[in-house]
N, C-alpha and C. Protein backbone atom coordinates (compact mmCIF):
# COMPACT_ATOMS: atom_id res chain seq x y z
N MET A 1 102.17 -10.78 31.10
CA MET A 1 100.98 -11.60 31.14
C MET A 1 101.14 -12.73 30.14
N LEU A 2 100.72 -13.92 30.54
CA LEU A 2 100.77 -15.06 29.64
C LEU A 2 99.35 -15.41 29.21
N ASN A 3 99.24 -15.88 28.00
CA ASN A 3 97.93 -16.14 27.44
C ASN A 3 97.43 -17.56 27.64
N SER A 4 98.24 -18.45 28.18
CA SER A 4 97.78 -19.82 28.32
C SER A 4 98.47 -20.51 29.48
N LEU A 5 97.86 -21.57 29.96
CA LEU A 5 98.49 -22.43 30.96
C LEU A 5 99.43 -23.35 30.22
N ALA A 6 100.62 -23.58 30.76
CA ALA A 6 101.62 -24.33 30.01
C ALA A 6 102.32 -25.34 30.89
N ALA A 7 103.12 -26.17 30.27
CA ALA A 7 103.87 -27.21 30.97
C ALA A 7 105.30 -27.24 30.45
N ASN A 8 106.15 -27.97 31.14
CA ASN A 8 107.55 -28.10 30.74
C ASN A 8 107.67 -28.42 29.26
N GLY A 9 108.59 -27.72 28.58
CA GLY A 9 108.86 -27.99 27.17
C GLY A 9 107.95 -27.28 26.20
N GLN A 10 106.84 -26.75 26.66
CA GLN A 10 105.93 -26.04 25.76
C GLN A 10 106.46 -24.64 25.49
N TRP A 11 106.08 -24.13 24.36
CA TRP A 11 106.41 -22.76 23.99
C TRP A 11 105.26 -21.86 24.43
N VAL A 12 105.59 -20.72 25.01
CA VAL A 12 104.57 -19.77 25.44
C VAL A 12 104.89 -18.40 24.87
N VAL A 13 103.87 -17.57 24.77
CA VAL A 13 104.04 -16.20 24.35
C VAL A 13 103.78 -15.32 25.57
N ILE A 14 104.79 -14.58 25.97
CA ILE A 14 104.65 -13.61 27.06
C ILE A 14 104.29 -12.29 26.40
N THR A 15 103.22 -11.68 26.86
CA THR A 15 102.74 -10.43 26.29
C THR A 15 102.90 -9.33 27.31
N GLY A 16 103.45 -8.21 26.90
CA GLY A 16 103.64 -7.09 27.82
C GLY A 16 104.25 -5.91 27.10
N GLN A 17 105.13 -5.20 27.79
CA GLN A 17 105.81 -4.04 27.21
C GLN A 17 107.30 -4.14 27.49
N ASN A 18 108.09 -3.60 26.58
CA ASN A 18 109.54 -3.53 26.74
C ASN A 18 110.18 -4.91 26.93
N LEU A 19 109.76 -5.87 26.14
CA LEU A 19 110.26 -7.24 26.27
C LEU A 19 111.45 -7.55 25.36
N GLN A 20 111.79 -6.65 24.45
CA GLN A 20 112.77 -6.97 23.42
C GLN A 20 114.21 -7.10 23.92
N ASN A 21 114.57 -6.54 25.03
CA ASN A 21 115.97 -6.57 25.48
C ASN A 21 116.19 -7.52 26.65
N ALA A 22 115.61 -8.70 26.60
CA ALA A 22 115.74 -9.66 27.70
C ALA A 22 117.17 -10.13 27.84
N VAL A 23 117.61 -10.25 29.10
CA VAL A 23 118.92 -10.82 29.39
C VAL A 23 118.79 -12.07 30.26
N HIS A 24 117.61 -12.26 30.86
CA HIS A 24 117.37 -13.44 31.72
C HIS A 24 115.86 -13.65 31.83
N ILE A 25 115.44 -14.91 31.66
CA ILE A 25 114.04 -15.28 31.86
C ILE A 25 114.05 -16.59 32.63
N SER A 26 113.30 -16.67 33.72
CA SER A 26 113.23 -17.92 34.46
C SER A 26 111.79 -18.24 34.84
N PHE A 27 111.51 -19.53 34.87
CA PHE A 27 110.21 -20.05 35.28
C PHE A 27 110.44 -20.83 36.57
N ASN A 28 109.75 -20.49 37.64
CA ASN A 28 109.91 -21.16 38.93
C ASN A 28 111.37 -21.12 39.40
N GLY A 29 112.11 -20.10 38.99
CA GLY A 29 113.52 -19.98 39.37
C GLY A 29 114.47 -20.76 38.48
N VAL A 30 113.94 -21.45 37.49
CA VAL A 30 114.76 -22.24 36.57
C VAL A 30 114.99 -21.41 35.30
N PRO A 31 116.25 -21.11 34.97
CA PRO A 31 116.53 -20.28 33.79
C PRO A 31 116.06 -20.95 32.49
N ALA A 32 115.50 -20.12 31.62
CA ALA A 32 115.05 -20.59 30.31
C ALA A 32 116.03 -20.10 29.26
N SER A 33 116.31 -20.95 28.28
CA SER A 33 117.07 -20.51 27.12
C SER A 33 116.10 -19.78 26.20
N PHE A 34 116.57 -18.74 25.54
CA PHE A 34 115.70 -18.03 24.62
C PHE A 34 116.51 -17.46 23.47
N ASN A 35 115.83 -17.23 22.36
CA ASN A 35 116.42 -16.70 21.15
C ASN A 35 115.97 -15.25 21.03
N SER A 36 116.90 -14.32 21.01
CA SER A 36 116.54 -12.89 20.96
C SER A 36 115.75 -12.53 19.69
N ALA A 37 115.85 -13.36 18.64
CA ALA A 37 115.06 -13.12 17.43
C ALA A 37 113.57 -13.33 17.69
N LEU A 38 113.22 -14.03 18.78
CA LEU A 38 111.82 -14.28 19.10
C LEU A 38 111.28 -13.30 20.13
N LEU A 39 112.02 -12.22 20.37
CA LEU A 39 111.59 -11.18 21.31
C LEU A 39 111.25 -9.92 20.53
N SER A 40 110.16 -9.26 20.93
CA SER A 40 109.81 -7.99 20.31
C SER A 40 109.39 -7.03 21.42
N GLN A 41 109.02 -5.84 21.05
CA GLN A 41 108.60 -4.84 22.03
C GLN A 41 107.49 -5.37 22.94
N ASN A 42 106.51 -6.07 22.38
CA ASN A 42 105.32 -6.47 23.15
C ASN A 42 105.14 -7.97 23.31
N ASN A 43 106.01 -8.78 22.74
CA ASN A 43 105.86 -10.23 22.83
C ASN A 43 107.22 -10.92 22.96
N ALA A 44 107.22 -12.02 23.69
CA ALA A 44 108.42 -12.85 23.79
C ALA A 44 107.96 -14.30 23.68
N VAL A 45 108.55 -15.03 22.74
CA VAL A 45 108.25 -16.46 22.57
C VAL A 45 109.37 -17.23 23.25
N VAL A 46 109.02 -18.01 24.27
CA VAL A 46 110.02 -18.68 25.10
C VAL A 46 109.57 -20.11 25.37
N GLN A 47 110.52 -21.03 25.37
CA GLN A 47 110.22 -22.42 25.71
C GLN A 47 110.41 -22.59 27.22
N ILE A 48 109.43 -23.19 27.87
CA ILE A 48 109.52 -23.45 29.30
C ILE A 48 110.57 -24.53 29.53
N PRO A 49 111.53 -24.28 30.42
CA PRO A 49 112.60 -25.26 30.63
C PRO A 49 112.10 -26.50 31.37
N ALA A 50 112.81 -27.60 31.16
CA ALA A 50 112.52 -28.81 31.94
C ALA A 50 112.92 -28.53 33.38
N MET A 51 112.13 -28.99 34.31
CA MET A 51 112.45 -28.75 35.71
C MET A 51 112.04 -29.93 36.57
N THR A 52 112.80 -30.11 37.63
CA THR A 52 112.50 -31.13 38.62
C THR A 52 111.90 -30.41 39.82
N PHE A 53 110.63 -30.61 40.05
CA PHE A 53 109.92 -29.83 41.06
C PHE A 53 110.40 -30.09 42.48
N THR A 54 111.02 -31.23 42.73
CA THR A 54 111.52 -31.50 44.08
C THR A 54 112.75 -30.67 44.42
N THR A 55 113.38 -30.05 43.41
CA THR A 55 114.58 -29.25 43.67
C THR A 55 114.34 -27.74 43.56
N ILE A 56 113.12 -27.35 43.28
CA ILE A 56 112.82 -25.93 43.08
C ILE A 56 112.69 -25.21 44.42
N ASP A 57 113.22 -24.00 44.47
CA ASP A 57 113.04 -23.13 45.62
C ASP A 57 111.57 -22.76 45.69
N THR A 58 110.85 -23.22 46.72
CA THR A 58 109.40 -23.01 46.77
C THR A 58 109.01 -21.54 46.88
N SER A 59 109.93 -20.67 47.25
CA SER A 59 109.60 -19.24 47.28
C SER A 59 109.51 -18.67 45.86
N LYS A 60 110.02 -19.41 44.87
CA LYS A 60 109.95 -18.98 43.47
C LYS A 60 108.92 -19.77 42.68
N LEU A 61 108.25 -20.71 43.33
CA LEU A 61 107.26 -21.53 42.66
C LEU A 61 106.12 -20.66 42.16
N TYR A 62 105.65 -20.94 40.98
CA TYR A 62 104.54 -20.23 40.33
C TYR A 62 104.90 -18.79 39.96
N THR A 63 106.16 -18.54 39.60
CA THR A 63 106.56 -17.21 39.16
C THR A 63 107.38 -17.27 37.88
N ILE A 64 107.35 -16.17 37.17
CA ILE A 64 108.26 -15.93 36.05
C ILE A 64 109.04 -14.68 36.39
N GLU A 65 110.34 -14.75 36.23
CA GLU A 65 111.19 -13.57 36.41
C GLU A 65 111.71 -13.19 35.03
N TYR A 66 111.46 -11.95 34.66
CA TYR A 66 111.83 -11.46 33.33
C TYR A 66 112.73 -10.25 33.53
N THR A 67 113.98 -10.38 33.09
CA THR A 67 114.95 -9.31 33.25
C THR A 67 115.38 -8.78 31.89
N THR A 68 115.32 -7.47 31.75
CA THR A 68 115.80 -6.80 30.55
C THR A 68 116.93 -5.86 30.97
N THR A 69 117.50 -5.19 29.99
CA THR A 69 118.54 -4.21 30.31
C THR A 69 117.98 -3.06 31.14
N GLY A 70 116.65 -2.93 31.17
CA GLY A 70 116.01 -1.85 31.93
C GLY A 70 115.56 -2.23 33.32
N GLY A 71 115.60 -3.51 33.67
CA GLY A 71 115.16 -3.93 35.00
C GLY A 71 114.55 -5.32 35.01
N THR A 72 114.01 -5.68 36.17
CA THR A 72 113.44 -7.01 36.38
C THR A 72 112.01 -6.89 36.87
N THR A 73 111.18 -7.78 36.38
CA THR A 73 109.82 -7.91 36.91
C THR A 73 109.55 -9.37 37.20
N ILE A 74 108.77 -9.60 38.24
CA ILE A 74 108.37 -10.96 38.61
C ILE A 74 106.85 -10.98 38.64
N PHE A 75 106.27 -11.99 38.00
CA PHE A 75 104.81 -12.10 38.04
C PHE A 75 104.41 -13.55 38.21
N ASN A 76 103.19 -13.73 38.65
CA ASN A 76 102.66 -15.07 38.94
C ASN A 76 102.28 -15.78 37.65
N PHE A 77 102.55 -17.08 37.65
CA PHE A 77 102.21 -17.94 36.52
C PHE A 77 102.03 -19.34 37.06
N LYS A 78 100.89 -19.93 36.86
CA LYS A 78 100.57 -21.24 37.42
C LYS A 78 101.23 -22.34 36.62
N LEU A 79 102.50 -22.61 36.93
CA LEU A 79 103.24 -23.69 36.30
C LEU A 79 103.78 -24.57 37.41
N GLY A 80 103.13 -25.66 37.65
CA GLY A 80 103.55 -26.57 38.70
C GLY A 80 103.54 -28.00 38.19
N PRO A 81 103.83 -28.91 39.08
CA PRO A 81 103.82 -30.31 38.65
C PRO A 81 102.40 -30.74 38.27
N ALA A 82 102.32 -31.74 37.44
CA ALA A 82 101.02 -32.31 37.08
C ALA A 82 100.38 -32.95 38.31
N ALA A 83 99.13 -33.26 38.22
CA ALA A 83 98.45 -33.93 39.33
C ALA A 83 99.13 -35.26 39.64
N PRO A 84 99.25 -35.59 40.92
CA PRO A 84 99.90 -36.86 41.26
C PRO A 84 99.07 -38.05 40.78
N VAL A 85 99.79 -39.10 40.37
CA VAL A 85 99.15 -40.32 39.91
C VAL A 85 99.83 -41.50 40.61
N ILE A 86 99.05 -42.30 41.31
CA ILE A 86 99.58 -43.50 41.94
C ILE A 86 99.41 -44.64 40.95
N THR A 87 100.53 -45.29 40.61
CA THR A 87 100.49 -46.36 39.61
C THR A 87 100.56 -47.75 40.22
N ALA A 88 101.06 -47.85 41.46
CA ALA A 88 101.16 -49.15 42.11
C ALA A 88 101.28 -48.95 43.62
N ILE A 89 100.89 -49.98 44.34
CA ILE A 89 101.00 -49.99 45.79
C ILE A 89 101.55 -51.35 46.19
N SER A 90 102.43 -51.36 47.19
CA SER A 90 103.13 -52.60 47.52
C SER A 90 102.25 -53.63 48.23
N ASN A 91 101.29 -53.19 48.99
CA ASN A 91 100.47 -54.14 49.74
C ASN A 91 99.12 -53.52 50.07
N VAL A 92 98.11 -53.88 49.31
CA VAL A 92 96.79 -53.28 49.53
C VAL A 92 96.11 -53.84 50.77
N PHE A 93 96.60 -54.93 51.32
CA PHE A 93 96.00 -55.54 52.51
C PHE A 93 96.91 -55.42 53.72
N ALA A 94 97.63 -54.32 53.82
CA ALA A 94 98.56 -54.12 54.93
C ALA A 94 97.81 -53.98 56.25
N ASN A 95 98.45 -54.43 57.30
CA ASN A 95 97.91 -54.28 58.65
C ASN A 95 98.47 -53.01 59.27
N PRO A 96 97.80 -52.47 60.29
CA PRO A 96 98.34 -51.29 60.98
C PRO A 96 99.78 -51.55 61.41
N GLY A 97 100.66 -50.58 61.10
CA GLY A 97 102.07 -50.69 61.45
C GLY A 97 102.94 -51.26 60.34
N ASP A 98 102.33 -51.91 59.34
CA ASP A 98 103.09 -52.43 58.20
C ASP A 98 103.55 -51.27 57.30
N SER A 99 104.66 -51.47 56.63
CA SER A 99 105.12 -50.50 55.65
C SER A 99 104.36 -50.71 54.35
N VAL A 100 103.98 -49.61 53.73
CA VAL A 100 103.31 -49.63 52.43
C VAL A 100 104.05 -48.65 51.53
N PHE A 101 104.40 -49.10 50.33
CA PHE A 101 105.11 -48.25 49.39
C PHE A 101 104.20 -47.90 48.23
N LEU A 102 104.15 -46.61 47.91
CA LEU A 102 103.38 -46.12 46.78
C LEU A 102 104.35 -45.78 45.65
N TYR A 103 103.94 -46.06 44.44
CA TYR A 103 104.72 -45.75 43.26
C TYR A 103 103.85 -44.93 42.33
N GLY A 104 104.47 -43.97 41.67
CA GLY A 104 103.69 -43.17 40.74
C GLY A 104 104.50 -42.04 40.15
N THR A 105 103.78 -41.07 39.63
CA THR A 105 104.41 -39.91 39.00
C THR A 105 103.90 -38.64 39.66
N ASP A 106 104.75 -37.63 39.62
CA ASP A 106 104.42 -36.30 40.15
C ASP A 106 103.98 -36.35 41.60
N LEU A 107 104.62 -37.20 42.38
CA LEU A 107 104.30 -37.31 43.80
C LEU A 107 105.15 -36.32 44.59
N VAL A 108 105.03 -35.04 44.25
CA VAL A 108 105.79 -33.98 44.91
C VAL A 108 104.85 -32.93 45.47
N LEU A 109 105.31 -32.20 46.43
CA LEU A 109 104.58 -31.11 47.04
C LEU A 109 103.29 -31.57 47.72
N GLY A 110 103.15 -32.86 47.94
CA GLY A 110 101.98 -33.38 48.65
C GLY A 110 102.03 -33.02 50.12
N GLN A 111 100.89 -32.80 50.71
CA GLN A 111 100.83 -32.44 52.12
C GLN A 111 100.15 -33.51 52.96
N SER A 112 99.39 -34.38 52.32
CA SER A 112 98.75 -35.45 53.09
C SER A 112 98.35 -36.58 52.15
N LEU A 113 98.12 -37.73 52.73
CA LEU A 113 97.67 -38.90 51.98
C LEU A 113 96.77 -39.71 52.90
N SER A 114 95.65 -40.08 52.38
CA SER A 114 94.73 -40.93 53.13
C SER A 114 94.68 -42.26 52.42
N TYR A 115 94.90 -43.33 53.17
CA TYR A 115 94.92 -44.67 52.59
C TYR A 115 93.97 -45.56 53.38
N GLY A 116 93.05 -46.15 52.71
CA GLY A 116 92.11 -47.08 53.35
C GLY A 116 91.25 -46.42 54.41
N GLY A 117 90.95 -45.16 54.23
CA GLY A 117 90.07 -44.45 55.14
C GLY A 117 90.80 -43.79 56.25
C-alpha cells in the first residue's frame, strides 16, 4: 500500500509486510533503482523512475510490481501521465478538411478530442 499519490522522480514510501528483501521493483512496468538500506520489514523508500508513457505496456499501467526473495506481488497504484495541456494550435480558423496541428504536453492515452464544437 502506498500512502500518497506520486509522480515521476518523487520518492514514495511503500508500506506492507516482508519488504526488506526486494530484488525488483517496477512502476507501470518500468524498473526502479533502489537502495537496500532504505528497505525494512514494513517499509520501502523508493524513487519513482522517469518514464515515457507512450512506450509503456498498457497492461502494466497503474501497477507496482514488488519482488522479493520470497515472491512477487502486483498492486494498483494511480501513477499516470499528467493531465494533457494544449499550448498552441496551428490554425484556429481552419475550414472543414484543413489540417490542424495541436502542440502541448502529456498528450498521450487520449481517446477523443473535440475542436470547435
